[in-house]
């Protein structure tokens, strides 16, 4: 009988921590007795992962912030390499965070480990210079978008596409997504709720939330008579800087309700008529729930200058990239200001037909990401990893 497997999962931030937790649960369900270690946050810990490093307070964004953490990351990578050897880890599973994780993969390969990328770095958008390193240190990628699968396959990378793992994340909260889609087909009437999603990092909140609140105040003044009971709601991620959010909301000219918890977030999305969101996974979630939106993106000047040299995607927002067209307005950098945000939001809210047509288009996102209520993309990836490293699915 094969010995129990030892898997190490490395996530870089809160969204990766959620995916890592889902994968850890699937690995342990498919291979009882497997030990799962990792670099992550609270969700992975709750899923039974023995955290080698808890990333609470370590998430960074932007060139300046990343440079300041280089030394700490170097030490972590060296310690992880020693841990791989001493514990006899069978496989390393990476989630995004290319700069750090590809160096971790280098360490894993030195010890003869299999390396998988569960949520691959977006080399199709930026960072394609890392392709050579990825091909050298990663055995297989689990693509989460059909175009991503084609991209990596075209570059000679071993890749498989089982569907987007976000469907498992949604199901794991207890939200019935198939029932929601059925209600939409039957003409479900939503509540007059507008979602604000400024991001979870401190820098994102500071850069985006003030203008979102100013926009919300203007929209309330303009449309509260038209949309009865109009309200603004903001989900709060566990990793968000609650102090900064509390201060900004306190100074806001319009009331904003906050909700906590993934289930409450998805319930909110299922009820909302519109959203203003910072570019990231949240925009994809909103698209799956058919919420028309304006996407904002603001980073530090140094990071912007570096990005201009590296980004090769036509769009920034995931809904636009997936659909191959601008299904959501994008306001980037200097264009992301209060005046423009009010203008583009008003164009949508001022037309019931525009909202309805955009909602119908966005609801097709689940088909593009291969939604199948009877299958688990995370479960399929977990089983594939176990089989690849010589484990037995369902063993004990």
Protein backbone atom coordinates (compact mmCIF):
# COMPACT_ATOMS: atom_id res chain seq x y z
CA UNK A 1 0.00 0.00 0.00
CA UNK A 2 1.32 3.41 -0.95
CA UNK A 3 2.36 5.62 1.96
CA UNK A 4 0.20 8.67 2.72
CA UNK A 5 1.05 11.55 0.44
CA UNK A 6 2.61 14.81 1.55
CA UNK A 7 1.51 17.84 -0.46
CA UNK A 8 2.66 21.46 -0.06
CA UNK A 9 0.38 24.29 -1.31
CA UNK A 10 1.71 27.82 -1.74
CA UNK A 11 -0.77 30.71 -2.00
CA UNK A 12 0.21 34.36 -2.07
CA UNK A 13 -2.85 36.31 -0.90
CA UNK A 14 -6.48 36.09 0.25
CA UNK A 15 -8.00 34.95 -3.06
CA UNK A 16 -5.28 32.31 -3.42
CA UNK A 17 -5.88 31.22 0.17
CA UNK A 18 -9.52 30.46 -0.69
CA UNK A 19 -8.53 28.34 -3.70
CA UNK A 20 -5.82 26.63 -1.67
CA UNK A 21 -8.34 25.71 1.02
CA UNK A 22 -10.70 24.19 -1.54
CA UNK A 23 -7.88 22.16 -3.09
CA UNK A 24 -6.64 20.97 0.31
CA UNK A 25 -10.11 19.69 1.20
CA UNK A 26 -10.41 17.86 -2.12
CA UNK A 27 -6.97 16.27 -1.74
CA UNK A 28 -7.78 15.01 1.76
CA UNK A 29 -11.17 13.72 0.64
CA UNK A 30 -9.70 11.94 -2.38
CA UNK A 31 -6.71 10.56 -0.47
CA UNK A 32 -7.54 10.08 3.24
CA UNK A 33 -4.39 10.21 5.32
CA UNK A 34 -2.66 12.69 3.04
CA UNK A 35 -0.80 15.47 4.87
CA UNK A 36 -1.14 18.97 3.46
CA UNK A 37 1.29 21.75 4.35
CA UNK A 38 1.39 25.24 2.98
CA UNK A 39 1.96 28.95 2.81
CA UNK A 40 -1.35 30.72 3.17
CA UNK A 41 -3.91 32.35 5.41
CA UNK A 42 -6.88 31.49 7.62
CA UNK A 43 -8.94 29.62 5.00
CA UNK A 44 -6.18 27.11 4.35
CA UNK A 45 -5.64 26.67 8.09
CA UNK A 46 -9.37 26.00 8.55
CA UNK A 47 -9.16 23.39 5.78
CA UNK A 48 -6.61 21.44 7.80
CA UNK A 49 -3.42 22.74 6.19
CA UNK A 50 -0.40 22.86 8.48
CA UNK A 51 0.83 26.36 7.71
CA UNK A 52 4.59 26.58 7.19
CA UNK A 53 4.09 30.35 6.85
CA UNK A 54 0.97 32.31 7.76
CA UNK A 55 0.78 35.23 5.33
CA UNK A 56 -1.38 37.44 7.52
CA UNK A 57 -0.01 40.95 7.06
CA UNK A 58 2.41 39.88 4.33
CA UNK A 59 0.34 40.48 1.16
CA UNK A 60 1.85 43.18 -1.04
CA UNK A 61 0.97 44.90 -4.28
CA UNK A 62 3.09 47.11 -6.50
CA UNK A 63 6.75 47.25 -7.41
CA UNK A 64 7.83 49.36 -4.41
CA UNK A 65 6.09 47.11 -1.89
CA UNK A 66 7.39 43.94 -3.55
CA UNK A 67 10.99 45.17 -3.51
CA UNK A 68 10.74 45.81 0.21
CA UNK A 69 9.76 42.18 0.82
CA UNK A 70 12.44 40.54 -1.36
CA UNK A 71 14.75 39.64 1.52
CA UNK A 72 11.97 38.16 3.61
CA UNK A 73 10.76 36.11 0.63
CA UNK A 74 14.31 34.85 -0.03
CA UNK A 75 14.59 33.57 3.53
CA UNK A 76 11.19 31.88 3.31
CA UNK A 77 12.09 30.14 0.05
CA UNK A 78 15.37 28.82 1.48
CA UNK A 79 13.63 27.52 4.61
CA UNK A 80 10.93 25.91 2.50
CA UNK A 81 13.55 24.10 0.43
CA UNK A 82 15.04 22.61 3.59
CA UNK A 83 11.52 21.68 4.75
CA UNK A 84 10.77 19.88 1.46
CA UNK A 85 13.86 17.73 1.97
CA UNK A 86 13.44 16.99 5.68
CA UNK A 87 9.73 16.14 5.42
CA UNK A 88 9.92 14.23 2.15
CA UNK A 89 7.24 16.33 0.44
CA UNK A 90 5.88 14.59 -2.68
CA UNK A 91 4.51 17.56 -4.60
CA UNK A 92 4.34 21.34 -4.60
CA UNK A 93 1.14 23.03 -5.77
CA UNK A 94 1.39 26.71 -6.64
CA UNK A 95 -1.34 29.34 -6.70
CA UNK A 96 -0.59 32.51 -8.69
CA UNK A 97 2.12 34.81 -7.16
CA UNK A 98 4.63 34.01 -9.92
CA UNK A 99 7.75 35.81 -8.66
CA UNK A 100 7.76 34.03 -5.31
CA UNK A 101 6.24 30.71 -6.38
CA UNK A 102 8.53 30.04 -9.33
CA UNK A 103 11.55 30.38 -7.04
CA UNK A 104 9.83 28.00 -4.65
CA UNK A 105 9.35 25.64 -7.61
CA UNK A 106 13.09 25.81 -8.30
CA UNK A 107 13.74 24.57 -4.75
CA UNK A 108 11.19 21.78 -5.17
CA UNK A 109 12.80 20.56 -8.38
CA UNK A 110 16.17 20.35 -6.62
CA UNK A 111 14.60 17.75 -4.38
CA UNK A 112 12.96 15.79 -7.19
CA UNK A 113 9.41 16.89 -6.42
CA UNK A 114 6.50 17.18 -8.84
CA UNK A 115 5.34 20.77 -9.29
CA UNK A 116 1.85 21.82 -10.35
CA UNK A 117 0.33 25.25 -10.93
CA UNK A 118 -3.28 25.17 -9.75
CA UNK A 119 -3.97 28.86 -10.48
CA UNK A 120 -1.39 29.85 -13.08
CA UNK A 121 0.25 33.28 -13.30
CA UNK A 122 -1.38 35.42 -16.00
CA UNK A 123 1.51 35.31 -18.42
CA UNK A 124 -0.95 35.87 -21.26
CA UNK A 125 -1.58 39.34 -19.80
CA UNK A 126 1.84 40.27 -18.48
CA UNK A 127 5.08 38.65 -17.33
CA UNK A 128 5.58 36.43 -20.40
CA UNK A 129 9.33 36.70 -19.72
CA UNK A 130 8.72 34.09 -17.01
CA UNK A 131 7.64 31.44 -19.53
CA UNK A 132 11.09 29.82 -19.74
CA UNK A 133 11.31 29.49 -15.96
CA UNK A 134 7.77 28.13 -15.74
CA UNK A 135 8.49 25.46 -18.37
CA UNK A 136 11.67 24.50 -16.52
CA UNK A 137 10.18 24.10 -13.04
CA UNK A 138 6.47 23.25 -13.50
CA UNK A 139 5.22 19.83 -14.60
CA UNK A 140 1.57 20.70 -15.23
CA UNK A 141 -0.76 23.69 -15.19
CA UNK A 142 -4.48 23.55 -14.43
CA UNK A 143 -5.83 26.33 -16.60
CA UNK A 144 -8.88 28.19 -15.32
CA UNK A 145 -9.91 29.85 -18.59
CA UNK A 146 -10.30 28.23 -22.03
CA UNK A 147 -8.13 30.90 -23.70
CA UNK A 148 -5.49 30.37 -20.99
CA UNK A 149 -5.46 26.64 -21.77
CA UNK A 150 -4.87 27.42 -25.45
CA UNK A 151 -2.17 29.96 -24.58
CA UNK A 152 -0.08 27.60 -22.46
CA UNK A 153 -0.64 24.68 -24.81
CA UNK A 154 0.59 26.86 -27.67
CA UNK A 155 3.80 27.49 -25.71
CA UNK A 156 4.42 23.79 -25.19
CA UNK A 157 3.33 23.70 -21.54
CA UNK A 158 1.51 20.64 -20.17
CA UNK A 159 -1.93 21.97 -19.27
CA UNK A 160 -5.42 20.72 -18.45
CA UNK A 161 -8.72 22.58 -18.21
CA UNK A 162 -11.44 21.17 -15.94
CA UNK A 163 -13.44 24.38 -15.57
CA UNK A 164 -13.00 27.36 -13.24
CA UNK A 165 -12.55 26.46 -9.54
CA UNK A 166 -14.67 29.45 -8.56
CA UNK A 167 -17.72 27.25 -9.05
CA UNK A 168 -16.47 25.05 -6.20
CA UNK A 169 -15.80 28.10 -4.04
CA UNK A 170 -19.37 29.31 -4.53
CA UNK A 171 -20.84 25.86 -3.85
CA UNK A 172 -18.67 25.51 -0.75
CA UNK A 173 -20.38 28.51 0.87
CA UNK A 174 -23.77 26.82 0.60
CA UNK A 175 -25.01 29.14 -2.16
CA UNK A 176 -27.10 27.27 -4.77
CA UNK A 177 -25.73 28.65 -8.02
CA UNK A 178 -27.75 26.35 -10.34
CA UNK A 179 -30.95 27.47 -8.58
CA UNK A 180 -29.91 31.09 -9.04
CA UNK A 181 -29.38 30.58 -12.78
CA UNK A 182 -32.81 28.94 -13.03
CA UNK A 183 -34.44 31.92 -11.29
CA UNK A 184 -32.71 34.26 -13.73
CA UNK A 185 -34.20 32.35 -16.65
CA UNK A 186 -37.64 32.72 -15.06
CA UNK A 187 -37.37 36.53 -14.85
CA UNK A 188 -36.14 37.02 -11.30
CA UNK A 189 -36.53 40.64 -10.09
CA UNK A 190 -33.53 41.97 -8.18
CA UNK A 191 -33.34 44.45 -5.33
CA UNK A 192 -32.07 47.99 -5.92
CA UNK A 193 -28.65 47.35 -4.44
CA UNK A 194 -25.33 48.64 -5.77
CA UNK A 195 -22.14 46.84 -4.78
CA UNK A 196 -18.87 48.62 -4.00
CA UNK A 197 -15.71 46.48 -4.28
CA UNK A 198 -12.55 48.57 -3.67
CA UNK A 199 -10.23 45.58 -3.23
CA UNK A 200 -8.85 44.02 -0.06
CA UNK A 201 -5.30 45.38 0.09
CA UNK A 202 -4.72 48.59 2.03
CA UNK A 203 -3.29 50.34 -1.04
CA UNK A 204 -6.30 49.33 -3.15
CA UNK A 205 -8.76 50.57 -0.54
CA UNK A 206 -6.99 53.92 -0.19
CA UNK A 207 -6.73 54.38 -3.96
CA UNK A 208 -10.27 53.34 -4.86
CA UNK A 209 -12.76 53.60 -2.02
CA UNK A 210 -12.82 57.43 -1.65
CA UNK A 211 -13.81 57.99 -5.28
CA UNK A 212 -16.30 55.11 -5.11
CA UNK A 213 -17.97 56.75 -2.12
CA UNK A 214 -18.11 60.12 -3.88
CA UNK A 215 -19.64 58.41 -6.89
CA UNK A 216 -22.14 56.59 -4.67
CA UNK A 217 -23.26 59.87 -3.10
CA UNK A 218 -23.81 61.40 -6.55
CA UNK A 219 -25.69 58.34 -7.79
CA UNK A 220 -27.93 58.31 -4.74
CA UNK A 221 -28.80 61.95 -5.23
CA UNK A 222 -29.54 61.36 -8.91
CA UNK A 223 -31.32 57.98 -8.87
CA UNK A 224 -32.82 57.35 -5.42
CA UNK A 225 -36.17 58.61 -6.69
CA UNK A 226 -36.07 56.26 -9.67
CA UNK A 227 -34.77 53.16 -7.87
CA UNK A 228 -36.97 52.78 -4.80
CA UNK A 229 -34.99 51.81 -1.69
CA UNK A 230 -31.65 52.28 -3.45
CA UNK A 231 -28.78 51.23 -1.20
CA UNK A 232 -25.03 50.71 -1.41
CA UNK A 233 -23.41 47.59 0.03
CA UNK A 234 -19.77 46.59 0.42
CA UNK A 235 -18.52 43.06 1.18
CA UNK A 236 -15.59 43.00 3.62
CA UNK A 237 -12.89 40.39 2.99
CA UNK A 238 -11.23 38.83 6.08
CA UNK A 239 -7.86 40.21 4.96
CA UNK A 240 -9.14 43.78 4.46
CA UNK A 241 -7.82 46.64 6.58
CA UNK A 242 -10.94 47.19 8.69
CA UNK A 243 -9.56 50.37 10.29
CA UNK A 244 -9.06 52.17 6.97
CA UNK A 245 -12.48 51.07 5.71
CA UNK A 246 -14.21 52.18 8.91
CA UNK A 247 -12.63 55.64 8.74
CA UNK A 248 -13.52 56.18 5.09
CA UNK A 249 -17.10 54.99 5.56
CA UNK A 250 -17.51 57.24 8.58
CA UNK A 251 -16.57 60.27 6.45
CA UNK A 252 -18.81 59.23 3.54
CA UNK A 253 -21.68 61.44 2.38
CA UNK A 254 -23.83 58.37 1.71
CA UNK A 255 -24.67 55.38 3.88
CA UNK A 256 -22.97 52.11 2.96
CA UNK A 257 -23.97 48.78 4.48
CA UNK A 258 -21.21 46.21 4.94
CA UNK A 259 -21.51 42.43 4.82
CA UNK A 260 -19.02 39.81 5.94
CA UNK A 261 -18.70 36.20 4.88
CA UNK A 262 -18.57 34.53 1.48
CA UNK A 263 -22.18 33.30 1.55
CA UNK A 264 -23.50 36.79 2.32
CA UNK A 265 -21.33 38.18 -0.48
CA UNK A 266 -22.81 35.81 -3.05
CA UNK A 267 -26.34 36.50 -1.84
CA UNK A 268 -25.61 40.18 -2.32
CA UNK A 269 -24.32 39.58 -5.86
CA UNK A 270 -27.45 37.60 -6.71
CA UNK A 271 -29.61 40.57 -5.66
CA UNK A 272 -27.59 43.51 -7.02
CA UNK A 273 -28.40 45.58 -10.09
CA UNK A 274 -24.99 47.23 -10.50
CA UNK A 275 -21.44 47.31 -9.14
CA UNK A 276 -18.30 49.41 -9.06
CA UNK A 277 -15.30 47.12 -8.60
CA UNK A 278 -11.54 47.18 -8.61
CA UNK A 279 -10.02 44.84 -11.20
CA UNK A 280 -9.50 41.34 -9.85
CA UNK A 281 -11.34 38.14 -9.00
CA UNK A 282 -14.32 40.13 -7.70
CA UNK A 283 -15.14 41.28 -11.23
CA UNK A 284 -15.30 37.67 -12.40
CA UNK A 285 -17.61 36.77 -9.51
CA UNK A 286 -19.87 39.71 -10.36
CA UNK A 287 -19.93 38.62 -14.01
CA UNK A 288 -21.03 35.09 -13.07
CA UNK A 289 -23.96 36.63 -11.19
CA UNK A 290 -24.83 38.89 -14.12
CA UNK A 291 -24.09 42.16 -12.35
CA UNK A 292 -23.35 45.05 -14.76
CA UNK A 293 -20.29 46.96 -13.55
CA UNK A 294 -17.67 49.61 -14.02
CA UNK A 295 -14.14 48.32 -13.39
CA UNK A 296 -11.52 50.59 -11.85
CA UNK A 297 -7.78 50.10 -11.55
CA UNK A 298 -5.32 52.44 -9.84
CA UNK A 299 -1.76 51.67 -8.73
CA UNK A 300 1.32 53.68 -7.77
CA UNK A 301 3.11 55.58 -10.56
CA UNK A 302 6.22 53.38 -10.46
CA UNK A 303 4.07 50.25 -10.73
CA UNK A 304 2.16 51.79 -13.65
CA UNK A 305 5.35 52.58 -15.54
CA UNK A 306 6.60 49.03 -15.06
CA UNK A 307 3.21 47.66 -16.08
CA UNK A 308 3.19 49.60 -19.35
CA UNK A 309 6.32 47.69 -20.35
CA UNK A 310 4.95 44.29 -19.39
CA UNK A 311 1.19 44.18 -19.99
CA UNK A 312 0.20 42.76 -23.37
CA UNK A 313 -3.52 42.30 -22.85
CA UNK A 314 -6.12 44.47 -24.58
CA UNK A 315 -8.20 44.58 -21.41
CA UNK A 316 -7.57 44.61 -17.66
CA UNK A 317 -10.93 43.31 -16.39
CA UNK A 318 -11.45 39.55 -16.42
CA UNK A 319 -15.04 39.74 -17.77
CA UNK A 320 -13.78 41.68 -20.80
CA UNK A 321 -10.86 39.30 -21.35
CA UNK A 322 -13.10 36.23 -21.13
CA UNK A 323 -15.76 37.62 -23.47
CA UNK A 324 -13.21 39.13 -25.82
CA UNK A 325 -15.05 42.44 -25.83
CA UNK A 326 -15.79 45.31 -23.46
CA UNK A 327 -18.77 44.01 -21.51
CA UNK A 328 -17.80 46.31 -18.62
CA UNK A 329 -16.36 49.83 -18.77
CA UNK A 330 -12.74 50.06 -17.62
CA UNK A 331 -11.33 53.16 -15.93
CA UNK A 332 -7.57 52.88 -15.55
CA UNK A 333 -5.10 55.06 -13.67
CA UNK A 334 -5.75 58.77 -14.37
CA UNK A 335 -9.04 57.87 -16.08
CA UNK A 336 -10.14 56.30 -12.80
CA UNK A 337 -11.48 59.43 -11.18
CA UNK A 338 -14.75 60.46 -9.58
CA UNK A 339 -16.04 62.39 -12.60
CA UNK A 340 -15.54 59.51 -15.03
CA UNK A 341 -16.89 56.99 -12.55
CA UNK A 342 -20.11 58.97 -12.15
CA UNK A 343 -20.44 59.38 -15.92
CA UNK A 344 -20.03 55.69 -16.80
CA UNK A 345 -22.17 54.53 -13.87
CA UNK A 346 -24.92 56.95 -14.88
CA UNK A 347 -24.88 55.65 -18.45
CA UNK A 348 -25.81 52.21 -17.13
CA UNK A 349 -28.22 53.20 -14.36
CA UNK A 350 -29.95 55.72 -16.58
CA UNK A 351 -31.09 53.03 -19.00
CA UNK A 352 -33.12 49.98 -17.93
CA UNK A 353 -32.50 48.45 -21.35
CA UNK A 354 -28.72 48.82 -20.99
CA UNK A 355 -28.78 47.16 -17.58
CA UNK A 356 -30.94 44.29 -18.83
CA UNK A 357 -28.89 43.60 -21.97
CA UNK A 358 -25.59 43.78 -20.09
CA UNK A 359 -26.94 41.49 -17.37
CA UNK A 360 -28.04 38.92 -19.97
CA UNK A 361 -24.63 39.01 -21.64
CA UNK A 362 -22.69 38.62 -18.39
CA UNK A 363 -24.80 35.64 -17.34
CA UNK A 364 -23.24 33.73 -20.26
CA UNK A 365 -19.89 33.85 -18.41
CA UNK A 366 -20.60 30.56 -16.62
CA UNK A 367 -20.95 28.77 -19.97
CA UNK A 368 -17.61 30.14 -21.13
CA UNK A 369 -15.97 28.82 -17.96
CA UNK A 370 -17.48 25.35 -18.45
CA UNK A 371 -19.94 25.32 -15.58
CA UNK A 372 -21.28 21.85 -14.78
CA UNK A 373 -23.21 21.54 -11.54
CA UNK A 374 -22.50 17.81 -11.43
CA UNK A 375 -18.71 18.11 -11.60
CA UNK A 376 -16.09 19.68 -9.36
CA UNK A 377 -13.19 21.42 -11.15
CA UNK A 378 -11.19 21.41 -7.91
CA UNK A 379 -11.98 17.75 -7.29
CA UNK A 380 -10.84 16.80 -10.79
CA UNK A 381 -7.56 18.70 -10.33
CA UNK A 382 -6.97 17.11 -6.91
CA UNK A 383 -7.51 13.60 -8.31
CA UNK A 384 -5.17 14.35 -11.20
CA UNK A 385 -2.43 15.58 -8.84
CA UNK A 386 -2.75 12.51 -6.63
CA UNK A 387 -2.57 10.14 -9.58
CA UNK A 388 0.41 11.98 -11.05
CA UNK A 389 2.50 11.67 -7.87
CA UNK A 390 1.69 7.98 -7.48
CA UNK A 391 -1.04 8.21 -4.89
CA UNK A 392 -4.27 6.24 -5.01
CA UNK A 393 -7.56 8.14 -5.12
CA UNK A 394 -9.75 6.89 -2.31
CA UNK A 395 -6.89 5.18 -0.45
CA UNK A 396 -6.58 5.20 3.31
